[in-house]
Amino acid sequence: MQKPIIRDLTTTSTPTDGPVDPSVIDLFCTLAENSPELLPGRWSTLFDVIAAEEKFWVYPSATVGEIEDYGEAAFVPFLRRSALIKEWAQLLEHARRVDACRETGRAWGYTC
């Protein structure tokens, strides 16, 4: 099962039809939360789209004492997987359109 998931994240195309595979979303979230620079192609664009939307993120709150006890790393923002699942197909389509716009823009000398 690992091969198809990895293949999905390493190809430049992203599926927009069919059921959402929670393992793909989970792998995407793990990479996006920890090392977004490792996301290739359209997956990087998808991260850019999601990063701009606060509704997809959970921002844990903590007191100074909690941060001192548990460290800052315990309170970093993380992705709200349930929100991503609901809008996954639309997010993928949006990322596809952003990529297409960027390609067209480069050809004409402007940015999207």
N, C-alpha and C. Protein backbone atom coordinates (compact mmCIF):
# COMPACT_ATOMS: atom_id res chain seq x y z
N MET A 1 0.82 -1.19 0.00
CA MET A 1 0.00 0.00 0.00
C MET A 1 0.86 1.26 0.00
N GLN A 2 2.07 1.19 0.48
CA GLN A 2 2.94 2.36 0.52
C GLN A 2 3.30 2.87 -0.87
N LYS A 3 3.57 1.98 -1.83
CA LYS A 3 3.99 2.42 -3.15
C LYS A 3 3.00 3.36 -3.82
N PRO A 4 1.68 3.01 -3.89
CA PRO A 4 0.76 3.94 -4.54
C PRO A 4 0.69 5.30 -3.85
N ILE A 5 0.79 5.34 -2.55
CA ILE A 5 0.73 6.61 -1.83
C ILE A 5 1.93 7.46 -2.19
N ILE A 6 3.12 6.86 -2.12
CA ILE A 6 4.33 7.60 -2.46
C ILE A 6 4.27 8.04 -3.91
N ARG A 7 3.82 7.18 -4.81
CA ARG A 7 3.72 7.54 -6.22
C ARG A 7 2.77 8.73 -6.37
N ASP A 8 1.66 8.72 -5.66
CA ASP A 8 0.72 9.83 -5.75
C ASP A 8 1.37 11.15 -5.34
N LEU A 9 2.23 11.12 -4.36
CA LEU A 9 2.85 12.36 -3.90
C LEU A 9 4.06 12.76 -4.72
N THR A 10 4.61 11.84 -5.52
CA THR A 10 5.78 12.19 -6.31
C THR A 10 5.45 12.48 -7.76
N THR A 11 4.22 12.26 -8.18
CA THR A 11 3.84 12.62 -9.54
C THR A 11 3.36 14.06 -9.55
N THR A 12 3.41 14.66 -10.72
CA THR A 12 2.96 16.05 -10.80
C THR A 12 1.46 16.13 -10.96
N SER A 13 0.82 15.04 -11.35
CA SER A 13 -0.63 15.07 -11.47
C SER A 13 -1.24 14.64 -10.15
N THR A 14 -2.44 15.13 -9.89
CA THR A 14 -3.16 14.77 -8.67
C THR A 14 -4.56 14.35 -9.06
N PRO A 15 -5.09 13.29 -8.45
CA PRO A 15 -6.44 12.85 -8.79
C PRO A 15 -7.48 13.83 -8.28
N THR A 16 -8.51 14.06 -9.06
CA THR A 16 -9.58 14.94 -8.61
C THR A 16 -10.91 14.21 -8.53
N ASP A 17 -10.94 12.97 -8.97
CA ASP A 17 -12.17 12.19 -8.95
C ASP A 17 -12.06 11.07 -7.92
N GLY A 18 -13.17 10.46 -7.63
CA GLY A 18 -13.19 9.27 -6.79
C GLY A 18 -13.11 9.59 -5.32
N PRO A 19 -13.15 8.54 -4.51
CA PRO A 19 -13.14 8.72 -3.06
C PRO A 19 -11.79 9.23 -2.56
N VAL A 20 -11.83 9.91 -1.48
CA VAL A 20 -10.62 10.44 -0.86
C VAL A 20 -9.92 9.31 -0.13
N ASP A 21 -8.64 9.13 -0.38
CA ASP A 21 -7.87 8.11 0.32
C ASP A 21 -7.26 8.76 1.56
N PRO A 22 -7.77 8.42 2.75
CA PRO A 22 -7.27 9.06 3.97
C PRO A 22 -5.76 8.89 4.17
N SER A 23 -5.19 7.80 3.67
CA SER A 23 -3.74 7.61 3.85
C SER A 23 -2.94 8.62 3.02
N VAL A 24 -3.46 9.02 1.86
CA VAL A 24 -2.80 10.05 1.06
C VAL A 24 -2.85 11.38 1.80
N ILE A 25 -4.00 11.70 2.35
CA ILE A 25 -4.14 12.95 3.10
C ILE A 25 -3.25 12.92 4.34
N ASP A 26 -3.19 11.79 5.00
CA ASP A 26 -2.35 11.67 6.19
C ASP A 26 -0.88 11.87 5.85
N LEU A 27 -0.42 11.25 4.76
CA LEU A 27 0.97 11.41 4.34
C LEU A 27 1.24 12.86 3.92
N PHE A 28 0.30 13.44 3.17
CA PHE A 28 0.45 14.85 2.78
C PHE A 28 0.57 15.72 4.03
N CYS A 29 -0.31 15.52 5.00
CA CYS A 29 -0.30 16.34 6.22
C CYS A 29 1.01 16.17 6.98
N THR A 30 1.50 14.95 7.07
CA THR A 30 2.75 14.70 7.79
C THR A 30 3.89 15.47 7.14
N LEU A 31 3.98 15.40 5.81
CA LEU A 31 5.02 16.14 5.11
C LEU A 31 4.81 17.64 5.22
N ALA A 32 3.57 18.08 5.04
CA ALA A 32 3.26 19.52 5.08
C ALA A 32 3.55 20.13 6.45
N GLU A 33 3.27 19.38 7.51
CA GLU A 33 3.48 19.90 8.86
C GLU A 33 4.95 19.91 9.26
N ASN A 34 5.71 18.97 8.73
CA ASN A 34 7.09 18.80 9.18
C ASN A 34 8.15 19.27 8.19
N SER A 35 7.93 19.05 6.90
CA SER A 35 8.93 19.41 5.89
C SER A 35 8.25 19.78 4.58
N PRO A 36 7.52 20.89 4.55
CA PRO A 36 6.78 21.24 3.33
C PRO A 36 7.68 21.43 2.11
N GLU A 37 8.96 21.74 2.33
CA GLU A 37 9.87 21.91 1.21
C GLU A 37 10.12 20.60 0.44
N LEU A 38 9.75 19.47 1.02
CA LEU A 38 9.92 18.17 0.35
C LEU A 38 8.76 17.84 -0.58
N LEU A 39 7.68 18.61 -0.52
CA LEU A 39 6.54 18.36 -1.39
C LEU A 39 6.86 18.79 -2.82
N PRO A 40 6.75 17.86 -3.79
CA PRO A 40 7.10 18.20 -5.17
C PRO A 40 5.92 18.73 -5.97
N GLY A 41 6.20 19.49 -7.01
CA GLY A 41 5.23 19.89 -8.01
C GLY A 41 3.92 20.43 -7.48
N ARG A 42 2.84 19.82 -7.96
CA ARG A 42 1.50 20.29 -7.59
C ARG A 42 1.23 20.11 -6.11
N TRP A 43 1.90 19.16 -5.46
CA TRP A 43 1.72 18.98 -4.02
C TRP A 43 2.24 20.19 -3.26
N SER A 44 3.30 20.79 -3.77
CA SER A 44 3.82 22.03 -3.18
C SER A 44 2.81 23.16 -3.37
N THR A 45 2.21 23.22 -4.56
CA THR A 45 1.18 24.23 -4.82
C THR A 45 -0.01 24.01 -3.90
N LEU A 46 -0.40 22.75 -3.72
CA LEU A 46 -1.51 22.44 -2.81
C LEU A 46 -1.20 22.93 -1.41
N PHE A 47 0.04 22.74 -0.96
CA PHE A 47 0.43 23.25 0.36
C PHE A 47 0.29 24.77 0.41
N ASP A 48 0.73 25.46 -0.65
CA ASP A 48 0.61 26.92 -0.68
C ASP A 48 -0.85 27.36 -0.54
N VAL A 49 -1.74 26.64 -1.21
CA VAL A 49 -3.18 26.95 -1.15
C VAL A 49 -3.70 26.74 0.27
N ILE A 50 -3.35 25.61 0.86
CA ILE A 50 -3.83 25.26 2.19
C ILE A 50 -3.20 26.15 3.27
N ALA A 51 -1.93 26.49 3.10
CA ALA A 51 -1.24 27.30 4.10
C ALA A 51 -1.89 28.67 4.26
N ALA A 52 -2.52 29.16 3.21
CA ALA A 52 -3.15 30.48 3.25
C ALA A 52 -4.53 30.49 3.91
N GLU A 53 -5.06 29.32 4.19
CA GLU A 53 -6.42 29.20 4.75
C GLU A 53 -6.36 28.75 6.21
N GLU A 54 -6.71 29.64 7.11
CA GLU A 54 -6.66 29.31 8.54
C GLU A 54 -7.62 28.19 8.94
N LYS A 55 -8.72 28.02 8.19
CA LYS A 55 -9.70 27.00 8.56
C LYS A 55 -9.14 25.59 8.49
N PHE A 56 -8.00 25.41 7.81
CA PHE A 56 -7.39 24.08 7.70
C PHE A 56 -6.36 23.82 8.79
N TRP A 57 -6.13 24.78 9.65
CA TRP A 57 -5.09 24.66 10.66
C TRP A 57 -5.66 24.73 12.08
N VAL A 58 -5.01 24.03 12.98
CA VAL A 58 -5.31 24.10 14.42
C VAL A 58 -4.09 24.75 15.06
N TYR A 59 -4.35 25.81 15.83
CA TYR A 59 -3.29 26.53 16.52
C TYR A 59 -3.42 26.28 18.02
N PRO A 60 -2.66 25.33 18.55
CA PRO A 60 -2.75 25.04 19.98
C PRO A 60 -2.32 26.24 20.82
N SER A 61 -3.00 26.42 21.92
CA SER A 61 -2.61 27.50 22.83
C SER A 61 -1.94 26.89 24.06
N ALA A 62 -1.06 27.67 24.65
CA ALA A 62 -0.34 27.17 25.82
C ALA A 62 0.09 28.34 26.69
N THR A 63 0.23 28.06 27.95
CA THR A 63 0.77 29.06 28.87
C THR A 63 2.29 29.00 28.81
N VAL A 64 2.94 30.00 29.37
CA VAL A 64 4.40 30.01 29.42
C VAL A 64 4.90 28.78 30.17
N GLY A 65 4.23 28.44 31.26
CA GLY A 65 4.63 27.27 32.04
C GLY A 65 4.54 25.98 31.24
N GLU A 66 3.47 25.82 30.46
CA GLU A 66 3.33 24.62 29.63
C GLU A 66 4.43 24.55 28.58
N ILE A 67 4.75 25.68 27.98
CA ILE A 67 5.83 25.70 26.98
C ILE A 67 7.16 25.35 27.63
N GLU A 68 7.39 25.88 28.84
CA GLU A 68 8.62 25.54 29.56
C GLU A 68 8.66 24.06 29.92
N ASP A 69 7.51 23.48 30.30
CA ASP A 69 7.46 22.07 30.68
C ASP A 69 7.58 21.13 29.49
N TYR A 70 6.87 21.46 28.39
CA TYR A 70 6.78 20.52 27.26
C TYR A 70 7.57 20.96 26.03
N GLY A 71 8.04 22.18 26.01
CA GLY A 71 8.77 22.69 24.86
C GLY A 71 7.85 23.28 23.80
N GLU A 72 8.39 24.17 23.01
CA GLU A 72 7.60 24.84 21.96
C GLU A 72 7.08 23.86 20.92
N ALA A 73 7.83 22.82 20.64
CA ALA A 73 7.45 21.86 19.59
C ALA A 73 6.10 21.20 19.86
N ALA A 74 5.70 21.13 21.11
CA ALA A 74 4.42 20.50 21.45
C ALA A 74 3.23 21.39 21.09
N PHE A 75 3.49 22.64 20.73
CA PHE A 75 2.39 23.58 20.49
C PHE A 75 2.44 24.23 19.10
N VAL A 76 3.06 23.56 18.15
CA VAL A 76 3.10 24.09 16.78
C VAL A 76 1.77 23.81 16.07
N PRO A 77 1.40 24.64 15.12
CA PRO A 77 0.15 24.41 14.37
C PRO A 77 0.19 23.08 13.61
N PHE A 78 -0.98 22.48 13.44
CA PHE A 78 -1.08 21.25 12.65
C PHE A 78 -2.34 21.31 11.81
N LEU A 79 -2.36 20.51 10.76
CA LEU A 79 -3.47 20.52 9.82
C LEU A 79 -4.69 19.79 10.37
N ARG A 80 -5.84 20.33 10.07
CA ARG A 80 -7.12 19.76 10.46
C ARG A 80 -7.55 18.79 9.35
N ARG A 81 -7.25 17.51 9.55
CA ARG A 81 -7.49 16.51 8.51
C ARG A 81 -8.96 16.41 8.10
N SER A 82 -9.87 16.53 9.04
CA SER A 82 -11.30 16.42 8.72
C SER A 82 -11.73 17.53 7.76
N ALA A 83 -11.19 18.72 7.93
CA ALA A 83 -11.52 19.83 7.02
C ALA A 83 -10.93 19.59 5.63
N LEU A 84 -9.74 19.02 5.59
CA LEU A 84 -9.12 18.72 4.29
C LEU A 84 -9.91 17.64 3.54
N ILE A 85 -10.35 16.62 4.26
CA ILE A 85 -11.11 15.54 3.62
C ILE A 85 -12.37 16.10 2.97
N LYS A 86 -13.06 16.99 3.66
CA LYS A 86 -14.31 17.56 3.12
C LYS A 86 -14.08 18.33 1.83
N GLU A 87 -12.94 19.00 1.70
CA GLU A 87 -12.71 19.88 0.55
C GLU A 87 -11.57 19.40 -0.35
N TRP A 88 -11.15 18.16 -0.19
CA TRP A 88 -9.98 17.65 -0.89
C TRP A 88 -10.08 17.81 -2.42
N ALA A 89 -11.16 17.38 -3.02
CA ALA A 89 -11.30 17.46 -4.48
C ALA A 89 -11.22 18.91 -4.96
N GLN A 90 -11.86 19.82 -4.25
CA GLN A 90 -11.83 21.23 -4.63
C GLN A 90 -10.42 21.82 -4.45
N LEU A 91 -9.74 21.41 -3.40
CA LEU A 91 -8.38 21.89 -3.17
C LEU A 91 -7.43 21.42 -4.27
N LEU A 92 -7.57 20.16 -4.68
CA LEU A 92 -6.73 19.64 -5.76
C LEU A 92 -6.99 20.38 -7.06
N GLU A 93 -8.26 20.64 -7.35
CA GLU A 93 -8.60 21.37 -8.56
C GLU A 93 -8.06 22.80 -8.50
N HIS A 94 -8.16 23.43 -7.36
CA HIS A 94 -7.63 24.78 -7.19
C HIS A 94 -6.11 24.80 -7.42
N ALA A 95 -5.41 23.81 -6.88
CA ALA A 95 -3.96 23.71 -7.07
C ALA A 95 -3.63 23.51 -8.55
N ARG A 96 -4.44 22.72 -9.24
CA ARG A 96 -4.23 22.50 -10.68
C ARG A 96 -4.37 23.83 -11.44
N ARG A 97 -5.40 24.61 -11.08
CA ARG A 97 -5.62 25.90 -11.76
C ARG A 97 -4.49 26.89 -11.45
N VAL A 98 -4.01 26.89 -10.22
CA VAL A 98 -2.89 27.77 -9.86
C VAL A 98 -1.66 27.40 -10.67
N ASP A 99 -1.37 26.10 -10.78
CA ASP A 99 -0.22 25.66 -11.58
C ASP A 99 -0.38 26.08 -13.04
N ALA A 100 -1.57 25.92 -13.59
CA ALA A 100 -1.82 26.30 -14.98
C ALA A 100 -1.61 27.80 -15.16
N CYS A 101 -2.09 28.59 -14.21
CA CYS A 101 -1.92 30.03 -14.27
C CYS A 101 -0.45 30.40 -14.20
N ARG A 102 0.29 29.74 -13.33
CA ARG A 102 1.72 30.02 -13.20
C ARG A 102 2.45 29.71 -14.51
N GLU A 103 2.10 28.58 -15.14
CA GLU A 103 2.72 28.22 -16.42
C GLU A 103 2.41 29.26 -17.49
N THR A 104 1.15 29.66 -17.58
CA THR A 104 0.75 30.67 -18.56
C THR A 104 1.44 31.99 -18.25
N GLY A 105 1.49 32.34 -16.99
CA GLY A 105 2.13 33.59 -16.58
C GLY A 105 3.60 33.63 -16.94
N ARG A 106 4.29 32.52 -16.73
CA ARG A 106 5.71 32.48 -17.10
C ARG A 106 5.88 32.68 -18.59
N ALA A 107 4.98 32.08 -19.37
CA ALA A 107 5.08 32.22 -20.81
C ALA A 107 4.88 33.66 -21.25
N TRP A 108 4.05 34.39 -20.53
CA TRP A 108 3.75 35.78 -20.90
C TRP A 108 4.53 36.79 -20.07
N GLY A 109 5.33 36.32 -19.12
CA GLY A 109 6.17 37.23 -18.36
C GLY A 109 5.53 37.86 -17.15
N TYR A 110 4.45 37.28 -16.61
CA TYR A 110 3.86 37.81 -15.39
C TYR A 110 3.62 36.67 -14.41
N THR A 111 3.30 37.01 -13.17
CA THR A 111 3.07 36.00 -12.15
C THR A 111 1.62 36.02 -11.71
N CYS A 112 1.17 34.89 -11.21
CA CYS A 112 -0.20 34.76 -10.72
C CYS A 112 -0.24 34.92 -9.21
